[in-house]
Amino acid sequence: MRLMPAKKSRLWVLAGLLMGLFACKYALSAGPTNGFDLSNSLLPVEQIFHGGPPRDGIPALSNPKLIKAAQVDYLQPTARIVGVLLHGEARAYPIAILNWHEIVNDEIDGQRFAVTYCPLCGTAVAFEASIDGKATDFGVSGLLYNSDVLLYDRETESLWSQILGKSVAGKRLGKQLIPIPISHTTWRDWRAKHPATWVMSDETGHFRDYRRNPYAGYEKSRSTYFAVNNEAPDTYHPKEVVAGLGIDGIYKAYPFIELDKQGKQRFTDSVNGTNFNFEWDSDNRNITITDTAGKPVASIQGFWFAWFAFHPDTEVFKAVDG
């Protein structure tokens, strides 16, 4: 039996109130660190902020239900997705769902991985979820650094920075995660390239309105919810989308506005003396980066302010006239 819109709306409100009461109770009991041990933190503890929700107040998903492309009825062609291609299998993880859960723990052909998304930074990153030879799942800590989500692994409760891809507190301090190349593109683009793709279903087992964006208007605003260490210069809008690459400590940002100015669909550029091939798709706001052998390269796509906050010494790609 389907709920009538008015009744469904009242249920959303009731669910939100109950979740809010639970979150407040948990946050008060867990304190400003949500119960995590920050005694050996690589980050200044005073710069780690409580984001509001308690630990797991934003519930990560594990082994989500998958459906075929033809069964998808809740995505518009221009809806943003995170695409993963592993062992010949394609999967799409809609931003509409990631906005509410931020982490999806999944597996393809025995390879465990985590798809992560920080709505406040616009950053989508996938990692191999095998640490010290053991597969693990990640949860949302409820803590932030430079406005970016801090993940935690459920085995040791170590904290991990999404953008740094590194453990910043806990038993696994200093360990690095291995990134997986992804496509941050539109549903129409991903489906056209991978018609046999699987898609994460909106039947997640959680009571969320995936057709509503809880961060509506945020991308256009020049303000951020939390302070960052390094304020980006106003060369670009703070929420201008950039693709970021890092090679041995040298970083470079590729602002989409510069890629639009250049107009070239394909070009070659270098970071720290290493050449890469770029393919820019202005219609789908997607950039594909490969090495000179044609192998996909993992990059970080997100807001300009977030990339600069972590990499204030970043180089910046500029459009070439003609």
C-alpha atoms as a PDB file:
ATOM      1  CA  MET A   1       0.000   0.000   0.000  1.00  0.00           C
ATOM      2  CA  ARG A   2       1.468   3.383  -1.021  1.00  0.00           C
ATOM      3  CA  LEU A   3       1.324   6.303   1.404  1.00  0.00           C
ATOM      4  CA  MET A   4      -0.503   9.451   0.364  1.00  0.00           C
ATOM      5  CA  PRO A   5       1.805  12.499   0.051  1.00  0.00           C
ATOM      6  CA  ALA A   6       0.463  14.314   3.138  1.00  0.00           C
ATOM      7  CA  LYS A   7       0.781  11.233   5.311  1.00  0.00           C
ATOM      8  CA  LYS A   8       4.239  10.519   3.917  1.00  0.00           C
ATOM      9  CA  SER A   9       5.302  14.105   4.700  1.00  0.00           C
ATOM     10  CA  ARG A  10       4.181  13.767   8.317  1.00  0.00           C
ATOM     11  CA  LEU A  11       6.166  10.567   8.624  1.00  0.00           C
ATOM     12  CA  TRP A  12       9.307  12.315   7.336  1.00  0.00           C
ATOM     13  CA  VAL A  13       8.878  15.040   9.962  1.00  0.00           C
ATOM     14  CA  LEU A  14       8.314  12.519  12.759  1.00  0.00           C
ATOM     15  CA  ALA A  15      11.314  10.466  11.674  1.00  0.00           C
ATOM     16  CA  GLY A  16      13.462  13.601  11.564  1.00  0.00           C
ATOM     17  CA  LEU A  17      12.446  14.624  15.070  1.00  0.00           C
ATOM     18  CA  LEU A  18      13.174  11.172  16.465  1.00  0.00           C
ATOM     19  CA  MET A  19      16.550  11.084  14.741  1.00  0.00           C
ATOM     20  CA  GLY A  20      17.355  14.556  16.076  1.00  0.00           C
ATOM     21  CA  LEU A  21      16.523  13.572  19.649  1.00  0.00           C
ATOM     22  CA  PHE A  22      18.653  10.437  19.349  1.00  0.00           C
ATOM     23  CA  ALA A  23      21.533  12.415  17.856  1.00  0.00           C
ATOM     24  CA  CYS A  24      21.447  15.008  20.650  1.00  0.00           C
ATOM     25  CA  LYS A  25      21.377  12.329  23.348  1.00  0.00           C
ATOM     26  CA  TYR A  26      24.278  10.408  21.779  1.00  0.00           C
ATOM     27  CA  ALA A  27      26.361  13.513  21.070  1.00  0.00           C
ATOM     28  CA  LEU A  28      26.034  14.685  24.665  1.00  0.00           C
ATOM     29  CA  SER A  29      27.129  11.307  26.003  1.00  0.00           C
ATOM     30  CA  ALA A  30      30.003  10.855  23.524  1.00  0.00           C
ATOM     31  CA  GLY A  31      31.345  14.398  23.892  1.00  0.00           C
ATOM     32  CA  PRO A  32      32.919  16.651  21.248  1.00  0.00           C
ATOM     33  CA  THR A  33      35.050  13.805  19.824  1.00  0.00           C
ATOM     34  CA  ASN A  34      32.110  11.398  19.383  1.00  0.00           C
ATOM     35  CA  GLY A  35      33.997   8.926  21.565  1.00  0.00           C
ATOM     36  CA  PHE A  36      37.114   8.710  19.369  1.00  0.00           C
ATOM     37  CA  ASP A  37      40.610   8.760  20.876  1.00  0.00           C
ATOM     38  CA  LEU A  38      42.503  11.758  19.480  1.00  0.00           C
ATOM     39  CA  SER A  39      45.506  11.470  21.816  1.00  0.00           C
ATOM     40  CA  ASN A  40      47.915  10.664  18.955  1.00  0.00           C
ATOM     41  CA  SER A  41      46.227  12.795  16.299  1.00  0.00           C
ATOM     42  CA  LEU A  42      48.354  13.997  13.386  1.00  0.00           C
ATOM     43  CA  LEU A  43      45.959  16.936  13.092  1.00  0.00           C
ATOM     44  CA  PRO A  44      45.594  19.769  15.608  1.00  0.00           C
ATOM     45  CA  VAL A  45      42.768  18.562  17.833  1.00  0.00           C
ATOM     46  CA  GLU A  46      41.312  22.068  18.084  1.00  0.00           C
ATOM     47  CA  GLN A  47      40.849  22.019  14.284  1.00  0.00           C
ATOM     48  CA  ILE A  48      38.787  18.819  14.319  1.00  0.00           C
ATOM     49  CA  PHE A  49      35.163  19.881  14.524  1.00  0.00           C
ATOM     50  CA  HIS A  50      32.063  18.028  15.607  1.00  0.00           C
ATOM     51  CA  GLY A  51      29.847  18.139  12.514  1.00  0.00           C
ATOM     52  CA  GLY A  52      26.569  17.785  14.428  1.00  0.00           C
ATOM     53  CA  PRO A  53      25.559  14.128  13.957  1.00  0.00           C
ATOM     54  CA  PRO A  54      26.894  11.518  16.368  1.00  0.00           C
ATOM     55  CA  ARG A  55      29.087   8.651  15.308  1.00  0.00           C
ATOM     56  CA  ASP A  56      27.082   6.717  12.683  1.00  0.00           C
ATOM     57  CA  GLY A  57      24.362   9.373  12.897  1.00  0.00           C
ATOM     58  CA  ILE A  58      24.929   9.481   9.152  1.00  0.00           C
ATOM     59  CA  PRO A  59      24.666   5.735   8.507  1.00  0.00           C
ATOM     60  CA  ALA A  60      27.143   4.221   6.072  1.00  0.00           C
ATOM     61  CA  LEU A  61      25.803   1.511   3.779  1.00  0.00           C
ATOM     62  CA  SER A  62      27.294  -1.951   3.392  1.00  0.00           C
ATOM     63  CA  ASN A  63      26.648  -4.448   0.605  1.00  0.00           C
ATOM     64  CA  PRO A  64      23.823  -2.338  -0.860  1.00  0.00           C
ATOM     65  CA  LYS A  65      21.026  -3.730  -2.983  1.00  0.00           C
ATOM     66  CA  LEU A  66      21.886  -3.412  -6.672  1.00  0.00           C
ATOM     67  CA  ILE A  67      19.563  -3.161  -9.653  1.00  0.00           C
ATOM     68  CA  LYS A  68      20.067  -3.108 -13.412  1.00  0.00           C
ATOM     69  CA  ALA A  69      19.987   0.130 -15.371  1.00  0.00           C
ATOM     70  CA  ALA A  70      16.602  -0.657 -16.911  1.00  0.00           C
ATOM     71  CA  GLN A  71      15.047  -0.885 -13.422  1.00  0.00           C
ATOM     72  CA  VAL A  72      16.162   2.587 -12.333  1.00  0.00           C
ATOM     73  CA  ASP A  73      13.201   4.963 -12.051  1.00  0.00           C
ATOM     74  CA  TYR A  74      14.486   7.516  -9.562  1.00  0.00           C
ATOM     75  CA  LEU A  75      17.374   9.095 -11.526  1.00  0.00           C
ATOM     76  CA  GLN A  76      17.089  11.853 -14.095  1.00  0.00           C
ATOM     77  CA  PRO A  77      19.558  11.735 -17.027  1.00  0.00           C
ATOM     78  CA  THR A  78      21.577  14.622 -15.551  1.00  0.00           C
ATOM     79  CA  ALA A  79      21.682  13.167 -12.015  1.00  0.00           C
ATOM     80  CA  ARG A  80      25.219  12.884 -10.703  1.00  0.00           C
ATOM     81  CA  ILE A  81      26.681   9.481  -9.960  1.00  0.00           C
ATOM     82  CA  VAL A  82      29.984   7.998  -8.862  1.00  0.00           C
ATOM     83  CA  GLY A  83      30.965   5.243 -11.269  1.00  0.00           C
ATOM     84  CA  VAL A  84      33.286   2.365 -10.363  1.00  0.00           C
ATOM     85  CA  LEU A  85      34.688  -0.125 -12.866  1.00  0.00           C
ATOM     86  CA  LEU A  86      36.438  -3.128 -11.298  1.00  0.00           C
ATOM     87  CA  HIS A  87      37.227  -6.540 -12.747  1.00  0.00           C
ATOM     88  CA  GLY A  88      35.119  -5.730 -15.780  1.00  0.00           C
ATOM     89  CA  GLU A  89      32.002  -4.891 -13.741  1.00  0.00           C
ATOM     90  CA  ALA A  90      30.479  -1.408 -13.700  1.00  0.00           C
ATOM     91  CA  ARG A  91      28.525   0.031 -10.769  1.00  0.00           C
ATOM     92  CA  ALA A  92      26.903   3.421 -10.242  1.00  0.00           C
ATOM     93  CA  TYR A  93      26.442   5.062  -6.847  1.00  0.00           C
ATOM     94  CA  PRO A  94      24.047   8.053  -7.069  1.00  0.00           C
ATOM     95  CA  ILE A  95      25.009  11.265  -5.290  1.00  0.00           C
ATOM     96  CA  ALA A  96      21.337  11.546  -4.281  1.00  0.00           C
ATOM     97  CA  ILE A  97      21.933   8.585  -1.952  1.00  0.00           C
ATOM     98  CA  LEU A  98      25.522   9.420  -1.011  1.00  0.00           C
ATOM     99  CA  ASN A  99      24.316  12.832   0.221  1.00  0.00           C
ATOM    100  CA  TRP A 100      22.515  10.979   3.023  1.00  0.00           C
ATOM    101  CA  HIS A 101      25.033   8.198   3.755  1.00  0.00           C
ATOM    102  CA  GLU A 102      28.478   9.456   2.639  1.00  0.00           C
ATOM    103  CA  ILE A 103      30.048   5.969   2.633  1.00  0.00           C
ATOM    104  CA  VAL A 104      29.148   2.787   0.781  1.00  0.00           C
ATOM    105  CA  ASN A 105      31.079  -0.389   1.597  1.00  0.00           C
ATOM    106  CA  ASP A 106      30.900  -2.810  -1.291  1.00  0.00           C
ATOM    107  CA  GLU A 107      32.686  -5.692  -3.021  1.00  0.00           C
ATOM    108  CA  ILE A 108      33.328  -6.837  -6.590  1.00  0.00           C
ATOM    109  CA  ASP A 109      34.841 -10.236  -7.328  1.00  0.00           C
ATOM    110  CA  GLY A 110      36.276 -10.517  -3.817  1.00  0.00           C
ATOM    111  CA  GLN A 111      37.773  -7.012  -3.768  1.00  0.00           C
ATOM    112  CA  ARG A 112      36.430  -4.927  -0.916  1.00  0.00           C
ATOM    113  CA  PHE A 113      36.240  -1.175  -1.468  1.00  0.00           C
ATOM    114  CA  ALA A 114      34.603   1.946  -0.074  1.00  0.00           C
ATOM    115  CA  VAL A 115      32.948   4.723  -2.056  1.00  0.00           C
ATOM    116  CA  THR A 116      33.071   7.932  -0.025  1.00  0.00           C
ATOM    117  CA  TYR A 117      31.447  11.304  -0.584  1.00  0.00           C
ATOM    118  CA  CYS A 118      31.645  14.512   1.418  1.00  0.00           C
ATOM    119  CA  PRO A 119      28.726  16.845   0.557  1.00  0.00           C
ATOM    120  CA  LEU A 120      30.444  19.796   2.252  1.00  0.00           C
ATOM    121  CA  CYS A 121      33.510  19.501  -0.004  1.00  0.00           C
ATOM    122  CA  GLY A 122      31.881  17.924  -3.055  1.00  0.00           C
ATOM    123  CA  THR A 123      34.586  15.253  -2.975  1.00  0.00           C
ATOM    124  CA  ALA A 124      34.004  11.692  -4.127  1.00  0.00           C
ATOM    125  CA  VAL A 125      36.821   9.203  -3.534  1.00  0.00           C
ATOM    126  CA  ALA A 126      36.894   5.409  -3.666  1.00  0.00           C
ATOM    127  CA  PHE A 127      39.457   3.361  -1.750  1.00  0.00           C
ATOM    128  CA  GLU A 128      40.515  -0.235  -1.514  1.00  0.00           C
ATOM    129  CA  ALA A 129      39.144  -1.402   1.844  1.00  0.00           C
ATOM    130  CA  SER A 130      41.914  -3.817   2.680  1.00  0.00           C
ATOM    131  CA  ILE A 131      44.266  -2.709   5.440  1.00  0.00           C
ATOM    132  CA  ASP A 132      47.213  -4.835   6.547  1.00  0.00           C
ATOM    133  CA  GLY A 133      45.792  -7.631   4.429  1.00  0.00           C
ATOM    134  CA  LYS A 134      42.412  -7.564   6.160  1.00  0.00           C
ATOM    135  CA  ALA A 135      39.169  -6.326   4.623  1.00  0.00           C
ATOM    136  CA  THR A 136      37.349  -3.713   6.663  1.00  0.00           C
ATOM    137  CA  ASP A 137      34.273  -1.501   6.536  1.00  0.00           C
ATOM    138  CA  PHE A 138      34.196   2.237   7.156  1.00  0.00           C
ATOM    139  CA  GLY A 139      31.723   4.374   9.047  1.00  0.00           C
ATOM    140  CA  VAL A 140      31.028   8.113   9.345  1.00  0.00           C
ATOM    141  CA  SER A 141      32.667   9.507  12.480  1.00  0.00           C
ATOM    142  CA  GLY A 142      30.605  12.707  12.636  1.00  0.00           C
ATOM    143  CA  LEU A 143      33.875  14.654  12.846  1.00  0.00           C
ATOM    144  CA  LEU A 144      35.345  17.026  10.256  1.00  0.00           C
ATOM    145  CA  TYR A 145      38.730  18.452   9.396  1.00  0.00           C
ATOM    146  CA  ASN A 146      38.940  21.320   6.903  1.00  0.00           C
ATOM    147  CA  SER A 147      35.198  20.804   6.408  1.00  0.00           C
ATOM    148  CA  ASP A 148      35.958  17.292   5.089  1.00  0.00           C
ATOM    149  CA  VAL A 149      34.513  14.071   6.459  1.00  0.00           C
ATOM    150  CA  LEU A 150      36.644  11.914   8.742  1.00  0.00           C
ATOM    151  CA  LEU A 151      35.970   8.228   8.197  1.00  0.00           C
ATOM    152  CA  TYR A 152      36.664   5.525  10.744  1.00  0.00           C
ATOM    153  CA  ASP A 153      37.393   1.860  10.239  1.00  0.00           C
ATOM    154  CA  ARG A 154      35.196  -0.443  12.282  1.00  0.00           C
ATOM    155  CA  GLU A 155      37.996  -2.803  13.246  1.00  0.00           C
ATOM    156  CA  THR A 156      40.269  -0.392  15.152  1.00  0.00           C
ATOM    157  CA  GLU A 157      38.171   2.823  15.185  1.00  0.00           C
ATOM    158  CA  SER A 158      41.084   4.714  13.671  1.00  0.00           C
ATOM    159  CA  LEU A 159      40.146   7.998  12.000  1.00  0.00           C
ATOM    160  CA  TRP A 160      40.921   8.609   8.325  1.00  0.00           C
ATOM    161  CA  SER A 161      40.929  11.834   6.306  1.00  0.00           C
ATOM    162  CA  GLN A 162      39.031  11.389   3.049  1.00  0.00           C
ATOM    163  CA  ILE A 163      41.010  13.931   1.022  1.00  0.00           C
ATOM    164  CA  LEU A 164      44.376  12.884   2.462  1.00  0.00           C
ATOM    165  CA  GLY A 165      43.465   9.194   2.216  1.00  0.00           C
ATOM    166  CA  LYS A 166      45.409   8.687   5.415  1.00  0.00           C
ATOM    167  CA  SER A 167      44.810   7.595   8.996  1.00  0.00           C
ATOM    168  CA  VAL A 168      45.122  10.677  11.208  1.00  0.00           C
ATOM    169  CA  ALA A 169      44.397   9.160  14.639  1.00  0.00           C
ATOM    170  CA  GLY A 170      44.176   5.752  16.279  1.00  0.00           C
ATOM    171  CA  LYS A 171      45.972   2.423  16.017  1.00  0.00           C
ATOM    172  CA  ARG A 172      46.499   2.725  12.266  1.00  0.00           C
ATOM    173  CA  LEU A 173      48.015   6.201  12.476  1.00  0.00           C
ATOM    174  CA  GLY A 174      49.870   7.222   9.321  1.00  0.00           C
ATOM    175  CA  LYS A 175      48.739   4.338   7.135  1.00  0.00           C
ATOM    176  CA  GLN A 176      47.680   5.252   3.611  1.00  0.00           C
ATOM    177  CA  LEU A 177      44.636   4.033   1.685  1.00  0.00           C
ATOM    178  CA  ILE A 178      44.938   3.013  -1.969  1.00  0.00           C
ATOM    179  CA  PRO A 179      42.605   5.105  -4.160  1.00  0.00           C
ATOM    180  CA  ILE A 180      40.525   3.585  -6.953  1.00  0.00           C
ATOM    181  CA  PRO A 181      39.865   5.576 -10.145  1.00  0.00           C
ATOM    182  CA  ILE A 182      36.226   6.646 -10.425  1.00  0.00           C
ATOM    183  CA  SER A 183      33.992   8.626 -12.761  1.00  0.00           C
ATOM    184  CA  HIS A 184      32.110  11.548 -11.225  1.00  0.00           C
ATOM    185  CA  THR A 185      29.632  12.106 -14.030  1.00  0.00           C
ATOM    186  CA  THR A 186      25.981  12.077 -15.079  1.00  0.00           C
ATOM    187  CA  TRP A 187      23.731   9.047 -15.106  1.00  0.00           C
ATOM    188  CA  ARG A 188      23.183   9.396 -18.868  1.00  0.00           C
ATOM    189  CA  ASP A 189      26.936   9.446 -19.531  1.00  0.00           C
ATOM    190  CA  TRP A 190      27.691   6.427 -17.341  1.00  0.00           C
ATOM    191  CA  ARG A 191      24.783   4.419 -18.697  1.00  0.00           C
ATOM    192  CA  ALA A 192      25.745   5.163 -22.310  1.00  0.00           C
ATOM    193  CA  LYS A 193      29.304   3.989 -21.679  1.00  0.00           C
ATOM    194  CA  HIS A 194      28.285   1.017 -19.497  1.00  0.00           C
ATOM    195  CA  PRO A 195      24.797  -0.189 -20.523  1.00  0.00           C
ATOM    196  CA  ALA A 196      25.203  -3.357 -18.408  1.00  0.00           C
ATOM    197  CA  THR A 197      25.986  -1.335 -15.275  1.00  0.00           C
ATOM    198  CA  TRP A 198      24.575  -2.187 -11.876  1.00  0.00           C
ATOM    199  CA  VAL A 199      23.128   0.693  -9.863  1.00  0.00           C
ATOM    200  CA  MET A 200      22.716   1.120  -6.139  1.00  0.00           C
ATOM    201  CA  SER A 201      19.005   0.859  -5.353  1.00  0.00           C
ATOM    202  CA  ASP A 202      17.205   3.534  -3.358  1.00  0.00           C
ATOM    203  CA  GLU A 203      15.840   0.694  -1.200  1.00  0.00           C
ATOM    204  CA  THR A 204      18.605   1.061   1.356  1.00  0.00           C
ATOM    205  CA  GLY A 205      16.781  -0.077   4.459  1.00  0.00           C
ATOM    206  CA  HIS A 206      16.857   3.501   5.798  1.00  0.00           C
ATOM    207  CA  PHE A 207      14.021   6.011   5.950  1.00  0.00           C
ATOM    208  CA  ARG A 208      15.346   8.860   3.755  1.00  0.00           C
ATOM    209  CA  ASP A 209      13.844  11.022   1.042  1.00  0.00           C
ATOM    210  CA  TYR A 210      16.413  10.467  -1.708  1.00  0.00           C
ATOM    211  CA  ARG A 211      14.561  12.783  -4.055  1.00  0.00           C
ATOM    212  CA  ARG A 212      15.325  15.713  -1.755  1.00  0.00           C
ATOM    213  CA  ASN A 213      18.775  17.279  -1.590  1.00  0.00           C
ATOM    214  CA  PRO A 214      19.560  18.080   2.071  1.00  0.00           C
ATOM    215  CA  TYR A 215      22.254  20.514   0.864  1.00  0.00           C
ATOM    216  CA  ALA A 216      20.152  22.386  -1.697  1.00  0.00           C
ATOM    217  CA  GLY A 217      21.711  25.770  -2.500  1.00  0.00           C
ATOM    218  CA  TYR A 218      25.034  24.971  -0.847  1.00  0.00           C
ATOM    219  CA  GLU A 219      26.984  24.623  -4.099  1.00  0.00           C
ATOM    220  CA  LYS A 220      26.055  28.140  -5.221  1.00  0.00           C
ATOM    221  CA  SER A 221      26.748  29.794  -1.872  1.00  0.00           C
ATOM    222  CA  ARG A 222      30.164  31.342  -1.268  1.00  0.00           C
ATOM    223  CA  SER A 223      30.028  30.386   2.405  1.00  0.00           C
ATOM    224  CA  THR A 224      30.976  27.144   4.127  1.00  0.00           C
ATOM    225  CA  TYR A 225      29.542  25.614   7.281  1.00  0.00           C
ATOM    226  CA  PHE A 226      32.921  25.143   8.973  1.00  0.00           C
ATOM    227  CA  ALA A 227      36.214  27.005   9.066  1.00  0.00           C
ATOM    228  CA  VAL A 228      39.226  25.750   7.113  1.00  0.00           C
ATOM    229  CA  ASN A 229      42.922  26.328   7.738  1.00  0.00           C
ATOM    230  CA  ASN A 230      43.799  27.880   4.391  1.00  0.00           C
ATOM    231  CA  GLU A 231      41.279  30.175   2.743  1.00  0.00           C
ATOM    232  CA  ALA A 232      41.366  29.837  -1.029  1.00  0.00           C
ATOM    233  CA  PRO A 233      42.086  32.958  -3.086  1.00  0.00           C
ATOM    234  CA  ASP A 234      39.043  34.400  -4.833  1.00  0.00           C
ATOM    235  CA  THR A 235      40.475  33.608  -8.254  1.00  0.00           C
ATOM    236  CA  TYR A 236      37.542  31.199  -8.437  1.00  0.00           C
ATOM    237  CA  HIS A 237      34.225  30.765  -6.704  1.00  0.00           C
ATOM    238  CA  PRO A 238      34.858  28.743  -3.489  1.00  0.00           C
ATOM    239  CA  LYS A 239      32.607  25.982  -4.851  1.00  0.00           C
ATOM    240  CA  GLU A 240      34.147  25.949  -8.328  1.00  0.00           C
ATOM    241  CA  VAL A 241      34.698  22.284  -9.168  1.00  0.00           C
ATOM    242  CA  VAL A 242      38.295  21.212  -9.697  1.00  0.00           C
ATOM    243  CA  ALA A 243      40.009  17.918 -10.421  1.00  0.00           C
ATOM    244  CA  GLY A 244      43.101  17.514  -8.278  1.00  0.00           C
ATOM    245  CA  LEU A 245      46.199  15.393  -8.876  1.00  0.00           C
ATOM    246  CA  GLY A 246      49.140  14.792  -6.574  1.00  0.00           C
ATOM    247  CA  ILE A 247      52.514  13.251  -7.490  1.00  0.00           C
ATOM    248  CA  ASP A 248      55.108  12.800  -4.734  1.00  0.00           C
ATOM    249  CA  GLY A 249      53.954  15.839  -2.781  1.00  0.00           C
ATOM    250  CA  ILE A 250      53.408  18.133  -5.770  1.00  0.00           C
ATOM    251  CA  TYR A 251      49.753  19.013  -6.379  1.00  0.00           C
ATOM    252  CA  LYS A 252      47.859  20.540  -9.266  1.00  0.00           C
ATOM    253  CA  ALA A 253      44.253  21.638  -9.640  1.00  0.00           C
ATOM    254  CA  TYR A 254      42.286  21.632 -12.891  1.00  0.00           C
ATOM    255  CA  PRO A 255      39.358  24.061 -12.466  1.00  0.00           C
ATOM    256  CA  PHE A 256      36.420  23.185 -14.688  1.00  0.00           C
ATOM    257  CA  ILE A 257      36.032  26.847 -15.651  1.00  0.00           C
ATOM    258  CA  GLU A 258      39.561  26.742 -17.100  1.00  0.00           C
ATOM    259  CA  LEU A 259      38.784  23.540 -18.990  1.00  0.00           C
ATOM    260  CA  ASP A 260      35.716  25.236 -20.451  1.00  0.00           C
ATOM    261  CA  LYS A 261      37.821  28.211 -21.547  1.00  0.00           C
ATOM    262  CA  GLN A 262      40.380  26.000 -23.226  1.00  0.00           C
ATOM    263  CA  GLY A 263      37.710  24.164 -25.156  1.00  0.00           C
ATOM    264  CA  LYS A 264      39.926  21.224 -26.051  1.00  0.00           C
ATOM    265  CA  GLN A 265      38.333  17.853 -25.473  1.00  0.00           C
ATOM    266  CA  ARG A 266      41.676  16.050 -25.224  1.00  0.00           C
ATOM    267  CA  PHE A 267      45.047  17.377 -24.126  1.00  0.00           C
ATOM    268  CA  THR A 268      48.238  16.380 -22.320  1.00  0.00           C
ATOM    269  CA  ASP A 269      49.646  18.014 -19.212  1.00  0.00           C
ATOM    270  CA  SER A 270      52.256  17.171 -16.581  1.00  0.00           C
ATOM    271  CA  VAL A 271      52.403  17.128 -12.790  1.00  0.00           C
ATOM    272  CA  ASN A 272      55.829  16.990 -11.152  1.00  0.00           C
ATOM    273  CA  GLY A 273      57.374  15.936 -14.462  1.00  0.00           C
ATOM    274  CA  THR A 274      54.882  13.114 -15.083  1.00  0.00           C
ATOM    275  CA  ASN A 275      52.715  13.343 -18.198  1.00  0.00           C
ATOM    276  CA  PHE A 276      49.008  12.546 -18.189  1.00  0.00           C
ATOM    277  CA  ASN A 277      46.291  12.454 -20.816  1.00  0.00           C
ATOM    278  CA  PHE A 278      43.089  14.372 -20.111  1.00  0.00           C
ATOM    279  CA  GLU A 279      39.676  14.020 -21.714  1.00  0.00           C
ATOM    280  CA  TRP A 280      37.245  16.805 -20.851  1.00  0.00           C
ATOM    281  CA  ASP A 281      33.504  16.308 -21.302  1.00  0.00           C
ATOM    282  CA  SER A 282      31.873  19.711 -20.826  1.00  0.00           C
ATOM    283  CA  ASP A 283      28.324  18.396 -21.353  1.00  0.00           C
ATOM    284  CA  ASN A 284      28.567  15.936 -18.474  1.00  0.00           C
ATOM    285  CA  ARG A 285      31.068  17.958 -16.384  1.00  0.00           C
ATOM    286  CA  ASN A 286      33.405  15.001 -16.230  1.00  0.00           C
ATOM    287  CA  ILE A 287      37.152  14.663 -16.712  1.00  0.00           C
ATOM    288  CA  THR A 288      38.958  11.395 -17.392  1.00  0.00           C
ATOM    289  CA  ILE A 289      42.663  11.173 -16.611  1.00  0.00           C
ATOM    290  CA  THR A 290      44.963   8.397 -17.810  1.00  0.00           C
ATOM    291  CA  ASP A 291      48.702   7.815 -17.799  1.00  0.00           C
ATOM    292  CA  THR A 292      50.700   7.595 -21.015  1.00  0.00           C
ATOM    293  CA  ALA A 293      49.891   3.873 -21.221  1.00  0.00           C
ATOM    294  CA  GLY A 294      46.155   4.618 -21.115  1.00  0.00           C
ATOM    295  CA  LYS A 295      45.627   3.363 -17.558  1.00  0.00           C
ATOM    296  CA  PRO A 296      43.014   5.322 -15.518  1.00  0.00           C
ATOM    297  CA  VAL A 297      44.483   7.543 -12.813  1.00  0.00           C
ATOM    298  CA  ALA A 298      42.756   8.295  -9.509  1.00  0.00           C
ATOM    299  CA  SER A 299      42.131  11.988  -8.919  1.00  0.00           C
ATOM    300  CA  ILE A 300      39.987  13.978  -6.500  1.00  0.00           C
ATOM    301  CA  GLN A 301      37.106  16.037  -7.867  1.00  0.00           C
ATOM    302  CA  GLY A 302      35.683  18.566  -5.446  1.00  0.00           C
ATOM    303  CA  PHE A 303      35.273  22.205  -4.529  1.00  0.00           C
ATOM    304  CA  TRP A 304      38.135  24.669  -4.992  1.00  0.00           C
ATOM    305  CA  PHE A 305      38.051  25.818  -1.354  1.00  0.00           C
ATOM    306  CA  ALA A 306      38.442  22.226  -0.111  1.00  0.00           C
ATOM    307  CA  TRP A 307      41.332  21.336  -2.417  1.00  0.00           C
ATOM    308  CA  PHE A 308      43.165  24.544  -1.464  1.00  0.00           C
ATOM    309  CA  ALA A 309      42.528  23.998   2.264  1.00  0.00           C
ATOM    310  CA  PHE A 310      44.538  20.769   2.107  1.00  0.00           C
ATOM    311  CA  HIS A 311      47.004  21.867  -0.590  1.00  0.00           C
ATOM    312  CA  PRO A 312      47.664  25.623  -0.297  1.00  0.00           C
ATOM    313  CA  ASP A 313      50.829  25.245  -2.402  1.00  0.00           C
ATOM    314  CA  THR A 314      48.887  23.723  -5.290  1.00  0.00           C
ATOM    315  CA  GLU A 315      49.696  24.520  -8.886  1.00  0.00           C
ATOM    316  CA  VAL A 316      46.709  25.552 -11.009  1.00  0.00           C
ATOM    317  CA  PHE A 317      46.045  24.666 -14.625  1.00  0.00           C
ATOM    318  CA  LYS A 318      45.298  27.662 -16.828  1.00  0.00           C
ATOM    319  CA  ALA A 319      43.575  27.636 -20.198  1.00  0.00           C
ATOM    320  CA  VAL A 320      45.807  28.131 -23.211  1.00  0.00           C
ATOM    321  CA  ASP A 321      44.592  30.682 -25.762  1.00  0.00           C
ATOM    322  CA  GLY A 322      43.782  29.097 -29.092  1.00  0.00           C
END
